[in-house]
Amino acid sequence: MKQSGANLGRVSWRLILLVLLLAFVGTTAWFWRDFTRFGATPLRVSATGDSIEIGRGTSFKDIVHQLRGQGLSTAAPLYWRLLAERMRVAGRLHAGEYAIAPGITPQQLLTNMAEGKVLQRDVTIVDGWTFRDVLQALAKADKLQHDTTGLDDATIMQKIGAPDEKPEGRFLPETYAYVKGDSDLDVLRRAHTAMTKTLTTLWAQRDPQVPLATPYDALILASIVEKETGRADERTRVAGVFTRRLQKNMLLQTDPSVIYGMGASYTGNIHKSDLTTDTPYNTYTRPGLPPTPIAMPGKPAIEAALHPAAGSELYFVARGNGTHVFADTLEEQNRNVACYQLKRCP
C-alpha cells in the first residue's frame, strides 16, 4: 500500500508539472501572439494631422507615456520596451516631431524615430509674389518659428547673410520643406541661395546680345516679364518687346512697375493720372529699368529675359482672356488698344 501511494504521489506531481508546463507554453504562445499583433496593429489615430513631439533627452519610458497619454496606444509599456529591444532601437530614438498617419504601426513609428524621419511641412513661394507676400505666407506657416516678426527689410537681409541687397526678387519661387524648429529666416536663407545659384547659372548661358549689364538687371527685367504674363508661350515675346525698347532707348511703359511704385495707394485700378505721377518705378516717366525687381521671378521668366524672342514687336496689349496681342508700330498698337481695351473693334 505504501508503494502504491508513493507511485500515486509521483504520478500526481508529474501531472501537476505537465499541467504547469502546458499552461506556461500556452501563456507564452498567447503572449507572443499578442505581442506580435501589437507590433503590427495600427495605432489609434484620430485625425490625419496627428503627430508626436519628442524633446531632446526624453527617455524611452516617457515616450511611451506620451503615446499613451495622447490616446495613440493602450498597450502595456512592457510591449513597447520589448519591441524596441527586439528592433535594437531602444537607445537610438531621435528627438523631433513625427507624423502619426492613419495606419501607422508601433514598429513603423519606432523605425521612423530611429532613422530620424521627422515630420516635414512645406511652404511655397509663388512666381510673381512680392517680398511682402512671401513674409505673409511664412507668417502663416504651421510650426515654423517666426523670427522675422518686427524686423525691417534691411535687418532680415543682414540676418540671412545678404546685408547689401534689397529683398525684392531675391528669393526663388519654389516649394521648401521644413521641420519643427526651423525658422522663417532658415527658409529665406535657402530660397535666397537657390535664387543666387539659379541666376548665376542662367546668366552664364545668356544670349550675348541682351542689353543687360549685370545679373541683377536680368532679375529686374525677369520680374517685369513675370508680372506681365503667366503664359509660357508669351514670355520670350514679352521679353523681346522690352529688350528692343531698351536697345532703342524707349520708355518701357509697363503697368506692373507703376503699380509696384504706387505701393499701398494702389486699390486695384490704375488711372491715367497714375501713369504721369513720377515715382522711381514709373516706367512711363523714367527711362530704363526700375531700380529693383518688382516681384519674385521664376526660373522660366529669368530664362526668357536672358533669351528674348527675336523680331520687331515693340508693343503688346491684353486681350482680356489672359493672352496678349503684339504690334510692331504705334499705329497698330492704338488699333489693338481700341479693340481689346475700349471694345471698339472695326
C-alpha atoms as a PDB file:
ATOM      1  CA  MET A   1       0.000   0.000   0.000  1.00  0.00           C
ATOM      2  CA  LYS A   2       2.803   2.381   0.826  1.00  0.00           C
ATOM      3  CA  GLN A   3       4.486   1.730  -2.509  1.00  0.00           C
ATOM      4  CA  SER A   4       1.212   2.212  -4.339  1.00  0.00           C
ATOM      5  CA  GLY A   5       0.676   5.527  -2.542  1.00  0.00           C
ATOM      6  CA  ALA A   6       4.179   6.642  -3.394  1.00  0.00           C
ATOM      7  CA  ASN A   7       3.619   5.790  -7.054  1.00  0.00           C
ATOM      8  CA  LEU A   8       0.357   7.712  -6.999  1.00  0.00           C
ATOM      9  CA  GLY A   9       2.144  10.704  -5.486  1.00  0.00           C
ATOM     10  CA  ARG A  10       4.775  10.638  -8.206  1.00  0.00           C
ATOM     11  CA  VAL A  11       2.085  10.494 -10.873  1.00  0.00           C
ATOM     12  CA  SER A  12       0.263  13.428  -9.275  1.00  0.00           C
ATOM     13  CA  TRP A  13       3.397  15.574  -9.225  1.00  0.00           C
ATOM     14  CA  ARG A  14       4.160  14.661 -12.813  1.00  0.00           C
ATOM     15  CA  LEU A  15       0.622  15.546 -13.786  1.00  0.00           C
ATOM     16  CA  ILE A  16       0.880  18.868 -11.978  1.00  0.00           C
ATOM     17  CA  LEU A  17       4.201  19.603 -13.644  1.00  0.00           C
ATOM     18  CA  LEU A  18       2.743  18.703 -17.022  1.00  0.00           C
ATOM     19  CA  VAL A  19      -0.255  20.951 -16.435  1.00  0.00           C
ATOM     20  CA  LEU A  20       2.030  23.775 -15.327  1.00  0.00           C
ATOM     21  CA  LEU A  21       4.264  23.228 -18.350  1.00  0.00           C
ATOM     22  CA  LEU A  22       1.307  23.237 -20.704  1.00  0.00           C
ATOM     23  CA  ALA A  23      -0.017  26.381 -19.008  1.00  0.00           C
ATOM     24  CA  PHE A  24       3.386  28.039 -19.349  1.00  0.00           C
ATOM     25  CA  VAL A  25       3.659  27.064 -23.006  1.00  0.00           C
ATOM     26  CA  GLY A  26       0.103  28.222 -23.664  1.00  0.00           C
ATOM     27  CA  THR A  27       0.626  31.502 -21.849  1.00  0.00           C
ATOM     28  CA  THR A  28       3.911  32.083 -23.670  1.00  0.00           C
ATOM     29  CA  ALA A  29       2.316  31.322 -27.018  1.00  0.00           C
ATOM     30  CA  TRP A  30      -0.589  33.639 -26.249  1.00  0.00           C
ATOM     31  CA  PHE A  31       1.795  36.381 -25.091  1.00  0.00           C
ATOM     32  CA  TRP A  32       3.916  36.019 -28.211  1.00  0.00           C
ATOM     33  CA  ARG A  33       0.894  36.179 -30.499  1.00  0.00           C
ATOM     34  CA  ASP A  34      -0.444  39.215 -28.638  1.00  0.00           C
ATOM     35  CA  PHE A  35       2.956  40.901 -28.687  1.00  0.00           C
ATOM     36  CA  THR A  36       3.373  40.200 -32.417  1.00  0.00           C
ATOM     37  CA  ARG A  37      -0.141  41.517 -33.053  1.00  0.00           C
ATOM     38  CA  PHE A  38       0.705  44.683 -31.098  1.00  0.00           C
ATOM     39  CA  GLY A  39       3.741  45.460 -33.249  1.00  0.00           C
ATOM     40  CA  ALA A  40       1.762  45.132 -36.487  1.00  0.00           C
ATOM     41  CA  THR A  41      -1.546  46.721 -35.401  1.00  0.00           C
ATOM     42  CA  PRO A  42      -2.085  50.378 -36.406  1.00  0.00           C
ATOM     43  CA  LEU A  43      -2.058  52.950 -33.633  1.00  0.00           C
ATOM     44  CA  ARG A  44      -5.274  54.656 -32.613  1.00  0.00           C
ATOM     45  CA  VAL A  45      -5.073  57.694 -34.896  1.00  0.00           C
ATOM     46  CA  SER A  46      -7.993  60.090 -34.598  1.00  0.00           C
ATOM     47  CA  ALA A  47      -7.007  62.642 -37.242  1.00  0.00           C
ATOM     48  CA  THR A  48      -4.873  62.820 -40.379  1.00  0.00           C
ATOM     49  CA  GLY A  49      -2.684  65.587 -38.959  1.00  0.00           C
ATOM     50  CA  ASP A  50      -1.772  63.816 -35.700  1.00  0.00           C
ATOM     51  CA  SER A  51       1.857  63.943 -34.600  1.00  0.00           C
ATOM     52  CA  ILE A  52       4.012  63.359 -31.568  1.00  0.00           C
ATOM     53  CA  GLU A  53       6.811  65.674 -30.477  1.00  0.00           C
ATOM     54  CA  ILE A  54       9.798  64.121 -28.732  1.00  0.00           C
ATOM     55  CA  GLY A  55      12.013  66.569 -26.886  1.00  0.00           C
ATOM     56  CA  ARG A  56      15.758  66.209 -26.526  1.00  0.00           C
ATOM     57  CA  GLY A  57      16.726  63.930 -23.666  1.00  0.00           C
ATOM     58  CA  THR A  58      13.287  62.314 -23.410  1.00  0.00           C
ATOM     59  CA  SER A  59      13.569  58.783 -22.000  1.00  0.00           C
ATOM     60  CA  PHE A  60      12.019  55.785 -23.677  1.00  0.00           C
ATOM     61  CA  LYS A  61       9.667  55.417 -20.717  1.00  0.00           C
ATOM     62  CA  ASP A  62       8.483  59.000 -21.184  1.00  0.00           C
ATOM     63  CA  ILE A  63       7.987  58.455 -24.918  1.00  0.00           C
ATOM     64  CA  VAL A  64       5.687  55.504 -24.209  1.00  0.00           C
ATOM     65  CA  HIS A  65       3.895  57.521 -21.547  1.00  0.00           C
ATOM     66  CA  GLN A  66       3.353  60.297 -24.092  1.00  0.00           C
ATOM     67  CA  LEU A  67       1.972  57.853 -26.667  1.00  0.00           C
ATOM     68  CA  ARG A  68      -0.455  56.500 -24.108  1.00  0.00           C
ATOM     69  CA  GLY A  69      -1.332  59.962 -22.873  1.00  0.00           C
ATOM     70  CA  GLN A  70      -2.258  61.082 -26.398  1.00  0.00           C
ATOM     71  CA  GLY A  71      -4.523  58.050 -26.698  1.00  0.00           C
ATOM     72  CA  LEU A  72      -2.441  56.603 -29.521  1.00  0.00           C
ATOM     73  CA  SER A  73      -1.779  53.322 -27.706  1.00  0.00           C
ATOM     74  CA  THR A  74      -3.285  51.347 -24.839  1.00  0.00           C
ATOM     75  CA  ALA A  75      -0.617  48.642 -24.937  1.00  0.00           C
ATOM     76  CA  ALA A  76       1.401  47.921 -21.803  1.00  0.00           C
ATOM     77  CA  PRO A  77       4.749  49.766 -21.606  1.00  0.00           C
ATOM     78  CA  LEU A  78       6.382  46.312 -21.469  1.00  0.00           C
ATOM     79  CA  TYR A  79       5.234  45.647 -25.018  1.00  0.00           C
ATOM     80  CA  TRP A  80       6.835  48.874 -26.259  1.00  0.00           C
ATOM     81  CA  ARG A  81      10.076  48.095 -24.409  1.00  0.00           C
ATOM     82  CA  LEU A  82      10.252  44.536 -25.774  1.00  0.00           C
ATOM     83  CA  LEU A  83       9.500  45.734 -29.302  1.00  0.00           C
ATOM     84  CA  ALA A  84      12.216  48.390 -29.128  1.00  0.00           C
ATOM     85  CA  GLU A  85      14.717  45.860 -27.745  1.00  0.00           C
ATOM     86  CA  ARG A  86      13.775  43.347 -30.410  1.00  0.00           C
ATOM     87  CA  MET A  87      14.307  46.024 -33.096  1.00  0.00           C
ATOM     88  CA  ARG A  88      17.506  47.185 -31.342  1.00  0.00           C
ATOM     89  CA  VAL A  89      16.380  50.820 -31.362  1.00  0.00           C
ATOM     90  CA  ALA A  90      15.661  51.446 -27.679  1.00  0.00           C
ATOM     91  CA  GLY A  91      18.675  53.731 -27.260  1.00  0.00           C
ATOM     92  CA  ARG A  92      18.660  55.214 -30.754  1.00  0.00           C
ATOM     93  CA  LEU A  93      15.444  57.233 -30.909  1.00  0.00           C
ATOM     94  CA  HIS A  94      15.887  60.804 -32.171  1.00  0.00           C
ATOM     95  CA  ALA A  95      14.170  63.910 -30.879  1.00  0.00           C
ATOM     96  CA  GLY A  96      11.791  65.704 -33.184  1.00  0.00           C
ATOM     97  CA  GLU A  97       8.218  65.758 -34.430  1.00  0.00           C
ATOM     98  CA  TYR A  98       6.893  62.598 -36.032  1.00  0.00           C
ATOM     99  CA  ALA A  99       3.798  62.119 -38.165  1.00  0.00           C
ATOM    100  CA  ILE A 100       1.179  59.744 -36.834  1.00  0.00           C
ATOM    101  CA  ALA A 101      -0.632  58.928 -40.037  1.00  0.00           C
ATOM    102  CA  PRO A 102      -3.633  56.610 -40.202  1.00  0.00           C
ATOM    103  CA  GLY A 103      -2.423  53.016 -40.495  1.00  0.00           C
ATOM    104  CA  ILE A 104       0.992  53.548 -38.890  1.00  0.00           C
ATOM    105  CA  THR A 105       2.064  50.696 -36.611  1.00  0.00           C
ATOM    106  CA  PRO A 106       4.246  50.755 -33.485  1.00  0.00           C
ATOM    107  CA  GLN A 107       7.033  49.093 -35.468  1.00  0.00           C
ATOM    108  CA  GLN A 108       6.849  51.719 -38.228  1.00  0.00           C
ATOM    109  CA  LEU A 109       6.821  54.561 -35.702  1.00  0.00           C
ATOM    110  CA  LEU A 110       9.872  53.238 -33.863  1.00  0.00           C
ATOM    111  CA  THR A 111      11.659  52.794 -37.207  1.00  0.00           C
ATOM    112  CA  ASN A 112      10.932  56.418 -38.123  1.00  0.00           C
ATOM    113  CA  MET A 113      12.200  57.606 -34.740  1.00  0.00           C
ATOM    114  CA  ALA A 114      15.358  55.523 -35.010  1.00  0.00           C
ATOM    115  CA  GLU A 115      16.070  56.851 -38.505  1.00  0.00           C
ATOM    116  CA  GLY A 116      15.172  60.434 -37.598  1.00  0.00           C
ATOM    117  CA  LYS A 117      12.408  60.656 -40.210  1.00  0.00           C
ATOM    118  CA  VAL A 118      10.865  63.724 -38.656  1.00  0.00           C
ATOM    119  CA  LEU A 119       7.678  65.292 -39.957  1.00  0.00           C
ATOM    120  CA  GLN A 120       8.288  67.739 -42.805  1.00  0.00           C
ATOM    121  CA  ARG A 121       5.971  70.531 -43.833  1.00  0.00           C
ATOM    122  CA  ASP A 122       6.047  72.643 -46.982  1.00  0.00           C
ATOM    123  CA  VAL A 123       5.799  76.337 -47.716  1.00  0.00           C
ATOM    124  CA  THR A 124       5.624  77.621 -51.286  1.00  0.00           C
ATOM    125  CA  ILE A 125       6.937  80.864 -52.730  1.00  0.00           C
ATOM    126  CA  VAL A 126       4.771  81.544 -55.763  1.00  0.00           C
ATOM    127  CA  ASP A 127       6.089  83.021 -59.016  1.00  0.00           C
ATOM    128  CA  GLY A 128       5.224  86.719 -59.119  1.00  0.00           C
ATOM    129  CA  TRP A 129       4.860  87.212 -55.368  1.00  0.00           C
ATOM    130  CA  THR A 130       6.361  90.297 -53.780  1.00  0.00           C
ATOM    131  CA  PHE A 131       8.556  90.130 -50.698  1.00  0.00           C
ATOM    132  CA  ARG A 132       5.537  91.210 -48.626  1.00  0.00           C
ATOM    133  CA  ASP A 133       3.605  88.228 -49.979  1.00  0.00           C
ATOM    134  CA  VAL A 134       6.461  85.895 -49.036  1.00  0.00           C
ATOM    135  CA  LEU A 135       6.608  87.204 -45.474  1.00  0.00           C
ATOM    136  CA  GLN A 136       2.845  86.819 -45.096  1.00  0.00           C
ATOM    137  CA  ALA A 137       2.998  83.203 -46.277  1.00  0.00           C
ATOM    138  CA  LEU A 138       5.829  82.425 -43.866  1.00  0.00           C
ATOM    139  CA  ALA A 139       3.903  84.042 -41.019  1.00  0.00           C
ATOM    140  CA  LYS A 140       1.019  81.628 -41.664  1.00  0.00           C
ATOM    141  CA  ALA A 141       3.220  78.519 -41.971  1.00  0.00           C
ATOM    142  CA  ASP A 142       2.397  75.960 -39.270  1.00  0.00           C
ATOM    143  CA  LYS A 143       5.106  75.041 -36.750  1.00  0.00           C
ATOM    144  CA  LEU A 144       7.607  77.489 -38.301  1.00  0.00           C
ATOM    145  CA  GLN A 145       9.391  79.897 -35.937  1.00  0.00           C
ATOM    146  CA  HIS A 146       8.657  83.487 -36.908  1.00  0.00           C
ATOM    147  CA  ASP A 147      11.977  85.201 -36.304  1.00  0.00           C
ATOM    148  CA  THR A 148      11.322  87.955 -38.860  1.00  0.00           C
ATOM    149  CA  THR A 149       8.476  89.435 -36.809  1.00  0.00           C
ATOM    150  CA  GLY A 150       9.156  93.102 -36.172  1.00  0.00           C
ATOM    151  CA  LEU A 151      12.287  93.193 -38.361  1.00  0.00           C
ATOM    152  CA  ASP A 152      12.685  95.629 -41.239  1.00  0.00           C
ATOM    153  CA  ASP A 153      13.865  94.503 -44.673  1.00  0.00           C
ATOM    154  CA  ALA A 154      17.474  95.546 -44.127  1.00  0.00           C
ATOM    155  CA  THR A 155      17.737  93.584 -40.883  1.00  0.00           C
ATOM    156  CA  ILE A 156      16.213  90.496 -42.475  1.00  0.00           C
ATOM    157  CA  MET A 157      18.713  90.610 -45.325  1.00  0.00           C
ATOM    158  CA  GLN A 158      21.562  91.111 -42.882  1.00  0.00           C
ATOM    159  CA  LYS A 159      20.461  88.088 -40.852  1.00  0.00           C
ATOM    160  CA  ILE A 160      20.371  85.787 -43.902  1.00  0.00           C
ATOM    161  CA  GLY A 161      23.851  86.882 -44.956  1.00  0.00           C
ATOM    162  CA  ALA A 162      22.981  89.379 -47.714  1.00  0.00           C
ATOM    163  CA  PRO A 163      23.382  92.749 -45.968  1.00  0.00           C
ATOM    164  CA  ASP A 164      23.880  94.866 -49.078  1.00  0.00           C
ATOM    165  CA  GLU A 165      20.878  93.586 -51.037  1.00  0.00           C
ATOM    166  CA  LYS A 166      17.275  94.700 -51.384  1.00  0.00           C
ATOM    167  CA  PRO A 167      14.947  91.739 -50.762  1.00  0.00           C
ATOM    168  CA  GLU A 168      12.606  92.117 -53.732  1.00  0.00           C
ATOM    169  CA  GLY A 169      13.238  89.470 -56.382  1.00  0.00           C
ATOM    170  CA  ARG A 170      15.975  87.745 -54.386  1.00  0.00           C
ATOM    171  CA  PHE A 171      14.111  84.545 -53.422  1.00  0.00           C
ATOM    172  CA  LEU A 172      13.488  81.737 -55.888  1.00  0.00           C
ATOM    173  CA  PRO A 173       9.846  80.679 -56.215  1.00  0.00           C
ATOM    174  CA  GLU A 174       9.755  77.031 -55.188  1.00  0.00           C
ATOM    175  CA  THR A 175       8.316  74.737 -52.521  1.00  0.00           C
ATOM    176  CA  TYR A 176      10.574  74.467 -49.478  1.00  0.00           C
ATOM    177  CA  ALA A 177      10.349  71.716 -46.859  1.00  0.00           C
ATOM    178  CA  TYR A 178      10.955  72.492 -43.204  1.00  0.00           C
ATOM    179  CA  VAL A 179      10.711  70.747 -39.844  1.00  0.00           C
ATOM    180  CA  LYS A 180       9.579  71.912 -36.436  1.00  0.00           C
ATOM    181  CA  GLY A 181      12.308  74.112 -35.003  1.00  0.00           C
ATOM    182  CA  ASP A 182      13.201  75.737 -38.333  1.00  0.00           C
ATOM    183  CA  SER A 183      12.548  79.466 -38.652  1.00  0.00           C
ATOM    184  CA  ASP A 184      11.321  81.696 -41.443  1.00  0.00           C
ATOM    185  CA  LEU A 185      14.884  83.010 -41.684  1.00  0.00           C
ATOM    186  CA  ASP A 186      16.054  79.459 -42.471  1.00  0.00           C
ATOM    187  CA  VAL A 187      13.558  79.228 -45.336  1.00  0.00           C
ATOM    188  CA  LEU A 188      14.501  82.675 -46.641  1.00  0.00           C
ATOM    189  CA  ARG A 189      18.185  81.786 -46.485  1.00  0.00           C
ATOM    190  CA  ARG A 190      17.604  78.668 -48.575  1.00  0.00           C
ATOM    191  CA  ALA A 191      15.390  80.490 -51.068  1.00  0.00           C
ATOM    192  CA  HIS A 192      17.987  83.257 -51.416  1.00  0.00           C
ATOM    193  CA  THR A 193      20.761  80.728 -52.017  1.00  0.00           C
ATOM    194  CA  ALA A 194      18.606  78.946 -54.599  1.00  0.00           C
ATOM    195  CA  MET A 195      17.961  82.203 -56.482  1.00  0.00           C
ATOM    196  CA  THR A 196      21.627  83.190 -56.387  1.00  0.00           C
ATOM    197  CA  LYS A 197      22.697  79.825 -57.830  1.00  0.00           C
ATOM    198  CA  THR A 198      19.951  79.853 -60.467  1.00  0.00           C
ATOM    199  CA  LEU A 199      20.690  83.401 -61.574  1.00  0.00           C
ATOM    200  CA  THR A 200      24.446  82.758 -61.727  1.00  0.00           C
ATOM    201  CA  THR A 201      23.949  79.657 -63.868  1.00  0.00           C
ATOM    202  CA  LEU A 202      21.458  81.265 -66.255  1.00  0.00           C
ATOM    203  CA  TRP A 203      23.479  84.477 -66.584  1.00  0.00           C
ATOM    204  CA  ALA A 204      26.471  82.462 -67.777  1.00  0.00           C
ATOM    205  CA  GLN A 205      24.268  80.942 -70.501  1.00  0.00           C
ATOM    206  CA  ARG A 206      22.645  84.233 -71.626  1.00  0.00           C
ATOM    207  CA  ASP A 207      22.257  85.466 -75.164  1.00  0.00           C
ATOM    208  CA  PRO A 208      25.270  87.790 -75.540  1.00  0.00           C
ATOM    209  CA  GLN A 209      23.110  90.314 -77.418  1.00  0.00           C
ATOM    210  CA  VAL A 210      20.814  91.134 -74.499  1.00  0.00           C
ATOM    211  CA  PRO A 211      21.251  94.764 -73.361  1.00  0.00           C
ATOM    212  CA  LEU A 212      21.695  93.854 -69.709  1.00  0.00           C
ATOM    213  CA  ALA A 213      24.842  94.837 -67.852  1.00  0.00           C
ATOM    214  CA  THR A 214      24.536  92.648 -64.745  1.00  0.00           C
ATOM    215  CA  PRO A 215      22.691  89.597 -63.426  1.00  0.00           C
ATOM    216  CA  TYR A 216      20.681  91.998 -61.266  1.00  0.00           C
ATOM    217  CA  ASP A 217      19.463  93.779 -64.395  1.00  0.00           C
ATOM    218  CA  ALA A 218      18.311  90.380 -65.656  1.00  0.00           C
ATOM    219  CA  LEU A 219      16.458  89.811 -62.390  1.00  0.00           C
ATOM    220  CA  ILE A 220      14.693  93.169 -62.739  1.00  0.00           C
ATOM    221  CA  LEU A 221      13.642  92.515 -66.330  1.00  0.00           C
ATOM    222  CA  ALA A 222      12.567  88.964 -65.462  1.00  0.00           C
ATOM    223  CA  SER A 223      10.325  90.295 -62.697  1.00  0.00           C
ATOM    224  CA  ILE A 224       8.586  92.556 -65.219  1.00  0.00           C
ATOM    225  CA  VAL A 225       8.106  89.654 -67.615  1.00  0.00           C
ATOM    226  CA  GLU A 226       6.746  87.587 -64.716  1.00  0.00           C
ATOM    227  CA  LYS A 227       4.128  90.197 -63.862  1.00  0.00           C
ATOM    228  CA  GLU A 228       3.165  90.921 -67.475  1.00  0.00           C
ATOM    229  CA  THR A 229       2.320  87.351 -68.446  1.00  0.00           C
ATOM    230  CA  GLY A 230       1.901  83.953 -66.870  1.00  0.00           C
ATOM    231  CA  ARG A 231       1.793  82.171 -70.216  1.00  0.00           C
ATOM    232  CA  ALA A 232       4.789  80.074 -71.181  1.00  0.00           C
ATOM    233  CA  ASP A 233       4.191  80.734 -74.885  1.00  0.00           C
ATOM    234  CA  GLU A 234       4.356  84.516 -74.389  1.00  0.00           C
ATOM    235  CA  ARG A 235       7.280  85.004 -72.036  1.00  0.00           C
ATOM    236  CA  THR A 236      10.040  85.277 -74.646  1.00  0.00           C
ATOM    237  CA  ARG A 237       7.887  87.549 -76.846  1.00  0.00           C
ATOM    238  CA  VAL A 238       7.185  89.886 -73.933  1.00  0.00           C
ATOM    239  CA  ALA A 239      10.881  89.821 -73.050  1.00  0.00           C
ATOM    240  CA  GLY A 240      11.665  90.584 -76.695  1.00  0.00           C
ATOM    241  CA  VAL A 241       9.457  93.688 -76.640  1.00  0.00           C
ATOM    242  CA  PHE A 242      11.182  95.102 -73.563  1.00  0.00           C
ATOM    243  CA  THR A 243      14.630  94.161 -74.859  1.00  0.00           C
ATOM    244  CA  ARG A 244      14.087  96.075 -78.088  1.00  0.00           C
ATOM    245  CA  ARG A 245      12.683  99.048 -76.159  1.00  0.00           C
ATOM    246  CA  LEU A 246      15.846  99.126 -74.052  1.00  0.00           C
ATOM    247  CA  GLN A 247      18.005  98.906 -77.167  1.00  0.00           C
ATOM    248  CA  LYS A 248      16.092 101.782 -78.782  1.00  0.00           C
ATOM    249  CA  ASN A 249      16.108 103.888 -75.562  1.00  0.00           C
ATOM    250  CA  MET A 250      12.316 103.804 -75.485  1.00  0.00           C
ATOM    251  CA  LEU A 251      10.362 104.040 -72.249  1.00  0.00           C
ATOM    252  CA  LEU A 252       9.352 100.566 -71.055  1.00  0.00           C
ATOM    253  CA  GLN A 253       5.846 101.758 -70.131  1.00  0.00           C
ATOM    254  CA  THR A 254       4.958  98.676 -68.113  1.00  0.00           C
ATOM    255  CA  ASP A 255       1.957  98.991 -65.807  1.00  0.00           C
ATOM    256  CA  PRO A 256       3.070  96.395 -63.211  1.00  0.00           C
ATOM    257  CA  SER A 257       6.109  98.530 -62.408  1.00  0.00           C
ATOM    258  CA  VAL A 258       3.935 101.621 -61.976  1.00  0.00           C
ATOM    259  CA  ILE A 259       1.608  99.668 -59.689  1.00  0.00           C
ATOM    260  CA  TYR A 260       4.548  98.456 -57.614  1.00  0.00           C
ATOM    261  CA  GLY A 261       5.713 102.058 -57.178  1.00  0.00           C
ATOM    262  CA  MET A 262       2.241 103.112 -56.023  1.00  0.00           C
ATOM    263  CA  GLY A 263       2.527 100.826 -53.004  1.00  0.00           C
ATOM    264  CA  ALA A 264      -0.452 100.869 -50.647  1.00  0.00           C
ATOM    265  CA  SER A 265      -2.180 103.590 -52.687  1.00  0.00           C
ATOM    266  CA  TYR A 266      -2.959 101.045 -55.399  1.00  0.00           C
ATOM    267  CA  THR A 267      -6.533  99.839 -54.869  1.00  0.00           C
ATOM    268  CA  GLY A 268      -6.993  97.545 -57.843  1.00  0.00           C
ATOM    269  CA  ASN A 269      -7.293 100.002 -60.731  1.00  0.00           C
ATOM    270  CA  ILE A 270      -4.665 102.084 -62.470  1.00  0.00           C
ATOM    271  CA  HIS A 271      -5.659 105.513 -63.791  1.00  0.00           C
ATOM    272  CA  LYS A 272      -4.157 107.871 -66.348  1.00  0.00           C
ATOM    273  CA  SER A 273      -3.027 110.154 -63.533  1.00  0.00           C
ATOM    274  CA  ASP A 274      -1.051 107.272 -62.041  1.00  0.00           C
ATOM    275  CA  LEU A 275       0.901 106.940 -65.279  1.00  0.00           C
ATOM    276  CA  THR A 276       2.004 110.569 -65.070  1.00  0.00           C
ATOM    277  CA  THR A 277       2.781 110.633 -61.353  1.00  0.00           C
ATOM    278  CA  ASP A 278       6.523 110.193 -61.086  1.00  0.00           C
ATOM    279  CA  THR A 279       7.999 107.504 -58.806  1.00  0.00           C
ATOM    280  CA  PRO A 280      11.276 105.584 -59.113  1.00  0.00           C
ATOM    281  CA  TYR A 281       9.216 102.723 -60.568  1.00  0.00           C
ATOM    282  CA  ASN A 282       7.142 104.726 -63.065  1.00  0.00           C
ATOM    283  CA  THR A 283       8.447 103.447 -66.408  1.00  0.00           C
ATOM    284  CA  TYR A 284       6.199 105.961 -68.203  1.00  0.00           C
ATOM    285  CA  THR A 285       8.152 108.872 -66.725  1.00  0.00           C
ATOM    286  CA  ARG A 286      11.620 107.347 -66.249  1.00  0.00           C
ATOM    287  CA  PRO A 287      13.798 105.602 -68.826  1.00  0.00           C
ATOM    288  CA  GLY A 288      15.452 102.234 -68.424  1.00  0.00           C
ATOM    289  CA  LEU A 289      14.794  99.551 -65.877  1.00  0.00           C
ATOM    290  CA  PRO A 290      13.260 100.307 -62.473  1.00  0.00           C
ATOM    291  CA  PRO A 291      15.720 100.363 -59.540  1.00  0.00           C
ATOM    292  CA  THR A 292      14.827  96.898 -58.206  1.00  0.00           C
ATOM    293  CA  PRO A 293      12.786  93.869 -59.251  1.00  0.00           C
ATOM    294  CA  ILE A 294       9.055  94.271 -58.722  1.00  0.00           C
ATOM    295  CA  ALA A 295       8.375  90.627 -57.780  1.00  0.00           C
ATOM    296  CA  MET A 296       9.955  87.196 -57.413  1.00  0.00           C
ATOM    297  CA  PRO A 297      10.544  85.913 -60.955  1.00  0.00           C
ATOM    298  CA  GLY A 298      10.515  82.178 -61.530  1.00  0.00           C
ATOM    299  CA  LYS A 299      13.219  80.384 -63.477  1.00  0.00           C
ATOM    300  CA  PRO A 300      11.208  80.448 -66.764  1.00  0.00           C
ATOM    301  CA  ALA A 301      10.866  84.237 -66.571  1.00  0.00           C
ATOM    302  CA  ILE A 302      14.620  84.633 -65.974  1.00  0.00           C
ATOM    303  CA  GLU A 303      15.352  82.367 -68.933  1.00  0.00           C
ATOM    304  CA  ALA A 304      13.021  84.454 -71.093  1.00  0.00           C
ATOM    305  CA  ALA A 305      14.709  87.709 -70.061  1.00  0.00           C
ATOM    306  CA  LEU A 306      18.099  86.236 -70.987  1.00  0.00           C
ATOM    307  CA  HIS A 307      16.864  84.647 -74.236  1.00  0.00           C
ATOM    308  CA  PRO A 308      14.233  87.037 -75.634  1.00  0.00           C
ATOM    309  CA  ALA A 309      12.442  86.209 -78.858  1.00  0.00           C
ATOM    310  CA  ALA A 310      13.798  87.884 -81.961  1.00  0.00           C
ATOM    311  CA  GLY A 311      11.522  90.097 -84.018  1.00  0.00           C
ATOM    312  CA  SER A 312      10.343  93.668 -84.466  1.00  0.00           C
ATOM    313  CA  GLU A 313       7.460  93.850 -81.974  1.00  0.00           C
ATOM    314  CA  LEU A 314       7.564  96.906 -79.698  1.00  0.00           C
ATOM    315  CA  TYR A 315       4.093  96.832 -78.160  1.00  0.00           C
ATOM    316  CA  PHE A 316       1.519  94.467 -76.708  1.00  0.00           C
ATOM    317  CA  VAL A 317      -1.876  94.779 -75.071  1.00  0.00           C
ATOM    318  CA  ALA A 318      -4.011  92.333 -73.092  1.00  0.00           C
ATOM    319  CA  ARG A 319      -6.905  90.726 -74.915  1.00  0.00           C
ATOM    320  CA  GLY A 320      -8.801  90.235 -71.683  1.00  0.00           C
ATOM    321  CA  ASN A 321      -8.616  86.440 -71.753  1.00  0.00           C
ATOM    322  CA  GLY A 322      -5.132  86.018 -70.352  1.00  0.00           C
ATOM    323  CA  THR A 323      -3.360  86.398 -73.697  1.00  0.00           C
ATOM    324  CA  HIS A 324      -1.852  89.413 -75.451  1.00  0.00           C
ATOM    325  CA  VAL A 325      -1.819  90.792 -78.961  1.00  0.00           C
ATOM    326  CA  PHE A 326       1.519  92.170 -80.181  1.00  0.00           C
ATOM    327  CA  ALA A 327       2.291  95.024 -82.560  1.00  0.00           C
ATOM    328  CA  ASP A 328       5.282  96.442 -84.417  1.00  0.00           C
ATOM    329  CA  THR A 329       4.068 100.026 -84.718  1.00  0.00           C
ATOM    330  CA  LEU A 330       2.299 102.552 -82.521  1.00  0.00           C
ATOM    331  CA  GLU A 331      -0.487 102.854 -85.093  1.00  0.00           C
ATOM    332  CA  GLU A 332      -1.123  99.137 -84.910  1.00  0.00           C
ATOM    333  CA  GLN A 333      -0.927  99.227 -81.114  1.00  0.00           C
ATOM    334  CA  ASN A 334      -3.519 102.014 -80.948  1.00  0.00           C
ATOM    335  CA  ARG A 335      -5.913  99.936 -83.059  1.00  0.00           C
ATOM    336  CA  ASN A 336      -5.378  96.956 -80.750  1.00  0.00           C
ATOM    337  CA  VAL A 337      -5.978  99.081 -77.656  1.00  0.00           C
ATOM    338  CA  ALA A 338      -9.190 100.452 -79.168  1.00  0.00           C
ATOM    339  CA  CYS A 339     -10.368  96.948 -79.986  1.00  0.00           C
ATOM    340  CA  TYR A 340      -9.367  94.966 -76.917  1.00  0.00           C
ATOM    341  CA  GLN A 341      -9.409  97.616 -74.192  1.00  0.00           C
ATOM    342  CA  LEU A 342     -12.060 100.054 -75.378  1.00  0.00           C
ATOM    343  CA  LYS A 343     -14.151  97.423 -77.216  1.00  0.00           C
ATOM    344  CA  ARG A 344     -14.163  99.477 -80.417  1.00  0.00           C
ATOM    345  CA  CYS A 345     -13.176  96.796 -82.872  1.00  0.00           C
ATOM    346  CA  PRO A 346     -13.810  97.629 -86.543  1.00  0.00           C
END
